[in-house]
Protein backbone atom coordinates (compact mmCIF):
# COMPACT_ATOMS: atom_id res chain seq x y z
CA UNK A 1 137.76 42.27 25.90
CA UNK A 2 139.83 45.20 27.18
CA UNK A 3 142.97 44.17 29.02
CA UNK A 4 143.15 47.64 30.55
CA UNK A 5 139.64 47.27 31.98
CA UNK A 6 140.45 43.78 33.23
CA UNK A 7 143.60 44.97 34.99
CA UNK A 8 141.80 47.95 36.54
CA UNK A 9 138.85 45.90 37.75
CA UNK A 10 141.01 43.08 39.16
CA UNK A 11 143.31 45.55 40.89
CA UNK A 12 140.39 47.48 42.35
CA UNK A 13 138.71 44.31 43.63
CA UNK A 14 141.93 43.28 45.36
CA UNK A 15 143.09 46.64 46.71
CA UNK A 16 139.82 48.52 47.28
CA UNK A 17 137.04 45.93 47.52
CA UNK A 18 134.55 47.92 49.61
CA UNK A 19 134.68 50.96 47.34
CA UNK A 20 134.66 48.83 44.19
CA UNK A 21 131.51 46.97 45.22
CA UNK A 22 129.68 50.30 45.22
CA UNK A 23 130.65 50.68 41.57
CA UNK A 24 129.87 47.08 40.69
CA UNK A 25 126.41 46.88 42.31
CA UNK A 26 124.47 48.90 39.68
CA UNK A 27 126.43 47.54 36.70
CA UNK A 28 124.92 44.99 34.29
CA UNK A 29 125.98 41.43 35.03
CA UNK A 30 125.41 38.16 33.22
CA UNK A 31 127.64 35.43 31.88
CA UNK A 32 129.13 37.50 29.06
CA UNK A 33 130.17 40.37 31.31
CA UNK A 34 131.38 38.47 34.36
CA UNK A 35 132.40 35.05 33.07
CA UNK A 36 133.51 36.14 29.61
CA UNK A 37 135.29 39.42 30.33
CA UNK A 38 136.56 38.80 33.86
CA UNK A 39 136.60 35.23 35.13
CA UNK A 40 137.67 33.45 31.93
CA UNK A 41 140.90 35.42 31.35
CA UNK A 42 141.89 35.58 35.02
CA UNK A 43 141.19 31.89 35.65
CA UNK A 44 143.68 31.12 32.89
CA UNK A 45 146.50 32.44 35.10
CA UNK A 46 146.60 29.53 37.60
CA UNK A 47 145.83 27.03 34.83
CA UNK A 48 148.74 28.13 32.62
CA UNK A 49 151.17 28.86 35.46
CA UNK A 50 150.29 25.60 37.19
CA UNK A 51 150.96 23.60 34.04
CA UNK A 52 154.28 25.36 33.43
CA UNK A 53 155.39 25.06 37.05
CA UNK A 54 154.55 21.37 37.24
CA UNK A 55 156.28 20.67 33.92
CA UNK A 56 159.45 22.55 34.93
CA UNK A 57 159.74 21.58 38.60
CA UNK A 58 157.43 18.63 39.16
CA UNK A 59 155.65 18.17 42.48
CA UNK A 60 157.11 17.32 45.88
CA UNK A 61 155.37 14.97 48.33
CA UNK A 62 157.17 14.41 51.65
CA UNK A 63 160.55 15.24 50.07
CA UNK A 64 159.86 12.86 47.19
CA UNK A 65 159.88 14.45 43.75
CA UNK A 66 157.01 13.52 41.46
CA UNK A 67 156.92 14.41 37.77
CA UNK A 68 153.56 13.82 36.07
CA UNK A 69 153.40 13.09 32.37
CA UNK A 70 152.79 15.95 29.95
CA UNK A 71 149.38 14.51 29.11
CA UNK A 72 148.50 14.46 32.81
CA UNK A 73 149.66 18.06 33.27
CA UNK A 74 147.66 19.31 30.30
CA UNK A 75 144.58 17.30 31.28
CA UNK A 76 144.68 18.73 34.78
CA UNK A 77 145.08 22.28 33.48
CA UNK A 78 142.25 22.08 30.95
CA UNK A 79 139.82 20.30 33.25
CA UNK A 80 140.67 22.62 36.13
CA UNK A 81 140.10 25.70 33.98
CA UNK A 82 136.76 24.52 32.62
CA UNK A 83 135.57 23.46 36.06
CA UNK A 84 136.54 26.84 37.49
CA UNK A 85 134.10 28.50 35.09
CA UNK A 86 131.43 25.90 35.82
CA UNK A 87 132.06 26.23 39.55
CA UNK A 88 131.67 30.01 39.51
CA UNK A 89 128.41 29.70 37.59
CA UNK A 90 127.12 26.94 39.88
CA UNK A 91 128.05 28.74 43.08
CA UNK A 92 126.38 31.92 41.81
CA UNK A 93 123.23 29.92 41.15
CA UNK A 94 123.31 28.63 44.73
CA UNK A 95 123.93 32.12 46.13
CA UNK A 96 120.91 33.45 44.25
CA UNK A 97 118.74 30.49 45.26
CA UNK A 98 119.62 30.96 48.94
CA UNK A 99 119.02 34.72 48.88
CA UNK A 100 115.33 34.71 49.91
CA UNK A 101 116.09 32.34 52.80
CA UNK A 102 118.10 35.14 54.39
CA UNK A 103 115.85 38.03 53.44
CA UNK A 104 117.92 38.83 50.35
CA UNK A 105 117.46 39.00 46.61
CA UNK A 106 117.10 36.12 44.21
CA UNK A 107 119.07 37.88 41.50
CA UNK A 108 121.34 35.58 39.50
CA UNK A 109 123.24 38.39 37.78
CA UNK A 110 124.01 40.02 41.13
CA UNK A 111 125.10 36.67 42.54
CA UNK A 112 127.32 36.05 39.52
CA UNK A 113 129.00 39.42 40.03
CA UNK A 114 129.49 38.66 43.71
CA UNK A 115 131.07 35.25 43.14
CA UNK A 116 132.99 36.14 39.99
CA UNK A 117 134.57 39.38 41.13
CA UNK A 118 135.32 38.03 44.61
CA UNK A 119 137.71 35.50 43.11
CA UNK A 120 140.11 38.09 41.70
CA UNK A 121 142.79 37.66 44.37
CA UNK A 122 142.87 33.87 43.99
CA UNK A 123 143.27 33.97 40.23
CA UNK A 124 145.93 36.67 40.23
CA UNK A 125 147.77 34.80 42.99
CA UNK A 126 147.68 31.79 40.69
CA UNK A 127 150.88 33.14 39.17
CA UNK A 128 152.60 31.60 42.23
CA UNK A 129 151.92 28.19 40.65
CA UNK A 130 154.95 28.82 38.46
CA UNK A 131 156.89 27.63 41.51
CA UNK A 132 154.74 24.85 43.03
CA UNK A 133 156.16 25.18 46.57
CA UNK A 134 154.74 28.70 46.77
CA UNK A 135 151.30 27.78 45.49
CA UNK A 136 149.82 26.53 48.78
CA UNK A 137 150.79 29.37 51.16
CA UNK A 138 150.06 32.08 48.60
CA UNK A 139 146.81 30.36 47.66
CA UNK A 140 145.64 30.18 51.28
CA UNK A 141 146.27 33.89 51.81
CA UNK A 142 144.47 34.71 48.58
CA UNK A 143 141.51 32.52 49.57
CA UNK A 144 141.16 34.39 52.86
CA UNK A 145 141.19 37.70 51.00
CA UNK A 146 138.57 36.39 48.57
CA UNK A 147 136.35 35.44 51.50
CA UNK A 148 136.74 38.93 52.98
CA UNK A 149 135.96 40.49 49.61
CA UNK A 150 132.82 38.38 49.29
CA UNK A 151 131.78 39.32 52.82
CA UNK A 152 132.05 43.01 51.93
CA UNK A 153 130.08 42.58 48.73
CA UNK A 154 127.29 40.39 50.07
CA UNK A 155 125.15 43.13 51.67
CA UNK A 156 125.64 45.47 48.72
CA UNK A 157 124.70 43.01 45.99
CA UNK A 158 122.33 40.48 47.58
CA UNK A 159 120.89 42.74 50.31
CA UNK A 160 120.13 40.12 52.98
CA UNK A 161 118.50 40.89 56.30
CA UNK A 162 121.38 42.34 58.39
CA UNK A 163 120.59 39.94 61.23
CA UNK A 164 120.95 36.96 58.89
CA UNK A 165 123.81 38.22 56.72
CA UNK A 166 126.52 36.37 58.66
CA UNK A 167 124.63 33.07 58.40
CA UNK A 168 124.16 33.69 54.67
CA UNK A 169 127.89 34.33 54.33
CA UNK A 170 128.73 31.12 56.23
CA UNK A 171 126.34 29.15 54.01
CA UNK A 172 128.06 30.51 50.90
CA UNK A 173 131.46 29.50 52.27
CA UNK A 174 130.22 25.95 52.91
CA UNK A 175 128.79 25.79 49.40
CA UNK A 176 132.08 27.07 48.00
CA UNK A 177 134.00 24.39 49.89
CA UNK A 178 131.69 21.71 48.50
CA UNK A 179 132.08 23.01 44.95
CA UNK A 180 135.85 23.19 45.43
CA UNK A 181 136.01 19.63 46.73
CA UNK A 182 134.09 18.30 43.73
CA UNK A 183 136.37 20.26 41.41
CA UNK A 184 139.48 18.85 43.10
CA UNK A 185 138.19 15.28 42.76
CA UNK A 186 137.47 15.78 39.07
CA UNK A 187 140.92 17.29 38.47
CA UNK A 188 142.60 14.40 40.28
CA UNK A 189 140.69 11.95 38.13
CA UNK A 190 141.74 13.80 34.98
CA UNK A 191 145.38 13.70 36.11
CA UNK A 192 145.17 9.94 36.68
CA UNK A 193 144.02 9.44 33.10
CA UNK A 194 147.21 11.10 31.91
CA UNK A 195 149.39 8.13 32.84
CA UNK A 196 151.66 6.99 35.69
CA UNK A 197 153.77 9.36 37.77
CA UNK A 198 157.55 9.40 37.56
CA UNK A 199 159.39 9.57 40.88
CA UNK A 200 162.76 11.21 41.36
């Protein structure tokens, strides 16, 4: 894996998404290229930073400080990281499966590129998890940018009927929310297995 390539591709997807999709569209895809070279290293940013931030500062709920156990923190980080990779793969499968319903392609590699590269802003913004109070606002802004990036890439990679492209996009967002909700439930369960919380 080339860190220089990773930095260039992530930066281009965040700063120049429309132009970058034109470059990405004809490239080879697949799990090794997208998941291995791009998603896996970037998804480690929020996992590692989240674990460090929670360990150093704890979590605040309604002005009450909560400090999870180290086992809970590590469990949450590992499970969250693995489920991010699984979630990207699963969402890409759904995007490809839905393609023909909207006059588009049923190309799993193209769908994997669309989903994987669209997440760049969220994973880079995961560095904000070093300070947990910043994680939510920064994460929301990054999620909006990811949605915009996906919207720009959808017609270039999946080629839906223009009249049905917006409905296709909305369906992908709903699927992404469902995948995200399942991931959050699994992470919460993993954190519970780490032991009781300490309040301060």
